[in-house]
């Protein structure tokens, strides 16, 4: 999906019981996922965001 600014939004749907595992302690796993997405986005010259939810 694209937002109003042309950024690609990736929605990661996670079961309610697993949200804590996906986000990780102090958000470390979520931050790592966003970092990997950012590297790929820079290589492709696009803007990408990650939304985690159910």
PDB file of N, CA and C in Angstrom:
ATOM      1  N   UNK A   1       0.848  -1.169   0.000  1.00  0.00           N
ATOM      2  CA  UNK A   1       0.000   0.000   0.000  1.00  0.00           C
ATOM      3  C   UNK A   1       0.893   1.231   0.000  1.00  0.00           C
ATOM      4  N   UNK A   2       0.413   2.314  -0.573  1.00  0.00           N
ATOM      5  CA  UNK A   2       1.152   3.581  -0.597  1.00  0.00           C
ATOM      6  C   UNK A   2       0.418   4.608   0.264  1.00  0.00           C
ATOM      7  N   UNK A   3       1.176   5.466   0.938  1.00  0.00           N
ATOM      8  CA  UNK A   3       0.536   6.526   1.706  1.00  0.00           C
ATOM      9  C   UNK A   3       0.437   7.786   0.847  1.00  0.00           C
ATOM     10  N   UNK A   4       0.019   8.887   1.439  1.00  0.00           N
ATOM     11  CA  UNK A   4      -0.188  10.132   0.699  1.00  0.00           C
ATOM     12  C   UNK A   4       1.106  10.741   0.165  1.00  0.00           C
ATOM     13  N   UNK A   5       2.236  10.307   0.697  1.00  0.00           N
ATOM     14  CA  UNK A   5       3.521  10.865   0.285  1.00  0.00           C
ATOM     15  C   UNK A   5       4.273   9.934  -0.660  1.00  0.00           C
ATOM     16  N   UNK A   6       3.605   8.892  -1.163  1.00  0.00           N
ATOM     17  CA  UNK A   6       4.225   7.966  -2.095  1.00  0.00           C
ATOM     18  C   UNK A   6       5.080   6.899  -1.438  1.00  0.00           C
ATOM     19  N   UNK A   7       5.059   6.846  -0.125  1.00  0.00           N
ATOM     20  CA  UNK A   7       5.847   5.858   0.605  1.00  0.00           C
ATOM     21  C   UNK A   7       5.128   4.516   0.584  1.00  0.00           C
ATOM     22  N   UNK A   8       5.869   3.448   0.408  1.00  0.00           N
ATOM     23  CA  UNK A   8       5.304   2.104   0.446  1.00  0.00           C
ATOM     24  C   UNK A   8       5.159   1.698   1.910  1.00  0.00           C
ATOM     25  N   UNK A   9       3.983   1.223   2.275  1.00  0.00           N
ATOM     26  CA  UNK A   9       3.732   0.790   3.644  1.00  0.00           C
ATOM     27  C   UNK A   9       3.604  -0.732   3.658  1.00  0.00           C
ATOM     28  N   UNK A  10       4.405  -1.371   4.474  1.00  0.00           N
ATOM     29  CA  UNK A  10       4.326  -2.819   4.660  1.00  0.00           C
ATOM     30  C   UNK A  10       3.590  -3.065   5.968  1.00  0.00           C
ATOM     31  N   UNK A  11       2.492  -3.797   5.891  1.00  0.00           N
ATOM     32  CA  UNK A  11       1.711  -4.142   7.076  1.00  0.00           C
ATOM     33  C   UNK A  11       2.083  -5.560   7.488  1.00  0.00           C
ATOM     34  N   UNK A  12       2.566  -5.704   8.703  1.00  0.00           N
ATOM     35  CA  UNK A  12       2.901  -7.016   9.237  1.00  0.00           C
ATOM     36  C   UNK A  12       1.816  -7.392  10.231  1.00  0.00           C
ATOM     37  N   UNK A  13       0.935  -8.297   9.814  1.00  0.00           N
ATOM     38  CA  UNK A  13      -0.148  -8.744  10.683  1.00  0.00           C
ATOM     39  C   UNK A  13       0.363  -9.861  11.581  1.00  0.00           C
ATOM     40  N   UNK A  14       0.168  -9.675  12.877  1.00  0.00           N
ATOM     41  CA  UNK A  14       0.682 -10.607  13.869  1.00  0.00           C
ATOM     42  C   UNK A  14      -0.443 -10.954  14.831  1.00  0.00           C
ATOM     43  N   UNK A  15      -0.497 -12.213  15.230  1.00  0.00           N
ATOM     44  CA  UNK A  15      -1.489 -12.621  16.224  1.00  0.00           C
ATOM     45  C   UNK A  15      -1.254 -11.843  17.515  1.00  0.00           C
ATOM     46  N   UNK A  16      -2.332 -11.525  18.194  1.00  0.00           N
ATOM     47  CA  UNK A  16      -2.249 -10.720  19.414  1.00  0.00           C
ATOM     48  C   UNK A  16      -1.277 -11.321  20.431  1.00  0.00           C
ATOM     49  N   UNK A  17      -1.259 -12.633  20.539  1.00  0.00           N
ATOM     50  CA  UNK A  17      -0.376 -13.302  21.497  1.00  0.00           C
ATOM     51  C   UNK A  17       1.102 -13.189  21.123  1.00  0.00           C
ATOM     52  N   UNK A  18       1.391 -12.901  19.857  1.00  0.00           N
ATOM     53  CA  UNK A  18       2.777 -12.880  19.386  1.00  0.00           C
ATOM     54  C   UNK A  18       3.354 -11.481  19.201  1.00  0.00           C
ATOM     55  N   UNK A  19       2.562 -10.460  19.426  1.00  0.00           N
ATOM     56  CA  UNK A  19       3.045  -9.088  19.192  1.00  0.00           C
ATOM     57  C   UNK A  19       4.296  -8.799  20.019  1.00  0.00           C
ATOM     58  N   UNK A  20       4.307  -9.200  21.267  1.00  0.00           N
ATOM     59  CA  UNK A  20       5.476  -8.963  22.115  1.00  0.00           C
ATOM     60  C   UNK A  20       6.723  -9.629  21.575  1.00  0.00           C
ATOM     61  N   UNK A  21       6.572 -10.814  21.030  1.00  0.00           N
ATOM     62  CA  UNK A  21       7.722 -11.528  20.462  1.00  0.00           C
ATOM     63  C   UNK A  21       8.239 -10.834  19.208  1.00  0.00           C
ATOM     64  N   UNK A  22       7.326 -10.338  18.397  1.00  0.00           N
ATOM     65  CA  UNK A  22       7.736  -9.691  17.147  1.00  0.00           C
ATOM     66  C   UNK A  22       8.397  -8.342  17.428  1.00  0.00           C
ATOM     67  N   UNK A  23       7.846  -7.590  18.351  1.00  0.00           N
ATOM     68  CA  UNK A  23       8.430  -6.289  18.675  1.00  0.00           C
ATOM     69  C   UNK A  23       9.742  -6.481  19.432  1.00  0.00           C
ATOM     70  N   UNK A  24       9.784  -7.446  20.330  1.00  0.00           N
ATOM     71  CA  UNK A  24      11.021  -7.750  21.051  1.00  0.00           C
ATOM     72  C   UNK A  24      11.247  -6.833  22.236  1.00  0.00           C
ATOM     73  N   UNK A  25      12.205  -7.213  23.034  1.00  0.00           N
ATOM     74  CA  UNK A  25      12.548  -6.423  24.221  1.00  0.00           C
ATOM     75  C   UNK A  25      13.083  -5.066  23.789  1.00  0.00           C
ATOM     76  N   UNK A  26      12.505  -4.023  24.321  1.00  0.00           N
ATOM     77  CA  UNK A  26      12.878  -2.638  23.993  1.00  0.00           C
ATOM     78  C   UNK A  26      12.754  -2.338  22.501  1.00  0.00           C
ATOM     79  N   UNK A  27      11.937  -3.122  21.791  1.00  0.00           N
ATOM     80  CA  UNK A  27      11.718  -2.875  20.368  1.00  0.00           C
ATOM     81  C   UNK A  27      12.876  -3.267  19.476  1.00  0.00           C
ATOM     82  N   UNK A  28      13.772  -4.097  19.982  1.00  0.00           N
ATOM     83  CA  UNK A  28      14.981  -4.434  19.216  1.00  0.00           C
ATOM     84  C   UNK A  28      14.684  -5.181  17.924  1.00  0.00           C
ATOM     85  N   UNK A  29      13.773  -6.131  17.971  1.00  0.00           N
ATOM     86  CA  UNK A  29      13.471  -6.905  16.760  1.00  0.00           C
ATOM     87  C   UNK A  29      12.781  -6.018  15.731  1.00  0.00           C
ATOM     88  N   UNK A  30      11.826  -5.214  16.180  1.00  0.00           N
ATOM     89  CA  UNK A  30      11.136  -4.304  15.262  1.00  0.00           C
ATOM     90  C   UNK A  30      12.125  -3.312  14.652  1.00  0.00           C
ATOM     91  N   UNK A  31      13.044  -2.817  15.447  1.00  0.00           N
ATOM     92  CA  UNK A  31      14.058  -1.891  14.945  1.00  0.00           C
ATOM     93  C   UNK A  31      14.950  -2.572  13.918  1.00  0.00           C
ATOM     94  N   UNK A  32      15.311  -3.821  14.177  1.00  0.00           N
ATOM     95  CA  UNK A  32      16.143  -4.565  13.227  1.00  0.00           C
ATOM     96  C   UNK A  32      15.402  -4.783  11.908  1.00  0.00           C
ATOM     97  N   UNK A  33      14.111  -5.127  11.990  1.00  0.00           N
ATOM     98  CA  UNK A  33      13.328  -5.313  10.763  1.00  0.00           C
ATOM     99  C   UNK A  33      13.252  -4.009   9.979  1.00  0.00           C
ATOM    100  N   UNK A  34      13.023  -2.912  10.675  1.00  0.00           N
ATOM    101  CA  UNK A  34      12.949  -1.611   9.994  1.00  0.00           C
ATOM    102  C   UNK A  34      14.290  -1.250   9.355  1.00  0.00           C
ATOM    103  N   UNK A  35      15.384  -1.597  10.017  1.00  0.00           N
ATOM    104  CA  UNK A  35      16.714  -1.316   9.460  1.00  0.00           C
ATOM    105  C   UNK A  35      16.944  -2.091   8.171  1.00  0.00           C
ATOM    106  N   UNK A  36      16.568  -3.367   8.163  1.00  0.00           N
ATOM    107  CA  UNK A  36      16.721  -4.174   6.949  1.00  0.00           C
ATOM    108  C   UNK A  36      15.863  -3.634   5.811  1.00  0.00           C
ATOM    109  N   UNK A  37      14.641  -3.248   6.143  1.00  0.00           N
ATOM    110  CA  UNK A  37      13.752  -2.682   5.127  1.00  0.00           C
ATOM    111  C   UNK A  37      14.331  -1.376   4.590  1.00  0.00           C
ATOM    112  N   UNK A  38      14.907  -0.576   5.470  1.00  0.00           N
ATOM    113  CA  UNK A  38      15.488   0.702   5.056  1.00  0.00           C
ATOM    114  C   UNK A  38      16.650   0.492   4.088  1.00  0.00           C
ATOM    115  N   UNK A  39      17.505  -0.488   4.372  1.00  0.00           N
ATOM    116  CA  UNK A  39      18.636  -0.772   3.484  1.00  0.00           C
ATOM    117  C   UNK A  39      18.132  -1.162   2.095  1.00  0.00           C
ATOM    118  N   UNK A  40      17.143  -2.052   2.048  1.00  0.00           N
ATOM    119  CA  UNK A  40      16.588  -2.473   0.758  1.00  0.00           C
ATOM    120  C   UNK A  40      15.935  -1.296   0.041  1.00  0.00           C
ATOM    121  N   UNK A  41      15.248  -0.447   0.788  1.00  0.00           N
ATOM    122  CA  UNK A  41      14.572   0.707   0.185  1.00  0.00           C
ATOM    123  C   UNK A  41      15.586   1.688  -0.401  1.00  0.00           C
ATOM    124  N   UNK A  42      16.674   1.910   0.305  1.00  0.00           N
ATOM    125  CA  UNK A  42      17.707   2.823  -0.194  1.00  0.00           C
ATOM    126  C   UNK A  42      18.298   2.285  -1.494  1.00  0.00           C
ATOM    127  N   UNK A  43      18.527   0.986  -1.542  1.00  0.00           N
ATOM    128  CA  UNK A  43      19.077   0.381  -2.764  1.00  0.00           C
ATOM    129  C   UNK A  43      18.134   0.550  -3.949  1.00  0.00           C
ATOM    130  N   UNK A  44      16.832   0.528  -3.678  1.00  0.00           N
ATOM    131  CA  UNK A  44      15.833   0.651  -4.745  1.00  0.00           C
ATOM    132  C   UNK A  44      15.360   2.093  -4.934  1.00  0.00           C
ATOM    133  N   UNK A  45      15.895   3.010  -4.136  1.00  0.00           N
ATOM    134  CA  UNK A  45      15.543   4.425  -4.199  1.00  0.00           C
ATOM    135  C   UNK A  45      14.043   4.655  -3.991  1.00  0.00           C
ATOM    136  N   UNK A  46      13.509   4.018  -2.955  1.00  0.00           N
ATOM    137  CA  UNK A  46      12.106   4.205  -2.575  1.00  0.00           C
ATOM    138  C   UNK A  46      12.038   4.458  -1.072  1.00  0.00           C
ATOM    139  N   UNK A  47      10.896   4.934  -0.622  1.00  0.00           N
ATOM    140  CA  UNK A  47      10.658   5.124   0.812  1.00  0.00           C
ATOM    141  C   UNK A  47       9.692   4.057   1.274  1.00  0.00           C
ATOM    142  N   UNK A  48      10.021   3.411   2.378  1.00  0.00           N
ATOM    143  CA  UNK A  48       9.217   2.298   2.876  1.00  0.00           C
ATOM    144  C   UNK A  48       9.014   2.453   4.376  1.00  0.00           C
ATOM    145  N   UNK A  49       7.817   2.092   4.836  1.00  0.00           N
ATOM    146  CA  UNK A  49       7.519   2.076   6.261  1.00  0.00           C
ATOM    147  C   UNK A  49       6.985   0.714   6.663  1.00  0.00           C
ATOM    148  N   UNK A  50       7.145   0.370   7.926  1.00  0.00           N
ATOM    149  CA  UNK A  50       6.665  -0.902   8.453  1.00  0.00           C
ATOM    150  C   UNK A  50       5.680  -0.626   9.573  1.00  0.00           C
ATOM    151  N   UNK A  51       4.499  -1.219   9.460  1.00  0.00           N
ATOM    152  CA  UNK A  51       3.500  -1.128  10.514  1.00  0.00           C
ATOM    153  C   UNK A  51       3.246  -2.527  11.049  1.00  0.00           C
ATOM    154  N   UNK A  52       3.356  -2.679  12.361  1.00  0.00           N
ATOM    155  CA  UNK A  52       3.153  -3.973  12.999  1.00  0.00           C
ATOM    156  C   UNK A  52       1.851  -3.915  13.782  1.00  0.00           C
ATOM    157  N   UNK A  53       0.987  -4.887  13.567  1.00  0.00           N
ATOM    158  CA  UNK A  53      -0.288  -4.907  14.273  1.00  0.00           C
ATOM    159  C   UNK A  53      -1.043  -6.179  14.001  1.00  0.00           C
ATOM    160  N   UNK A  54      -2.297  -6.177  14.425  1.00  0.00           N
ATOM    161  CA  UNK A  54      -3.122  -7.364  14.189  1.00  0.00           C
ATOM    162  C   UNK A  54      -4.219  -7.074  13.204  1.00  0.00           C
TER     163      UNK A  54
END
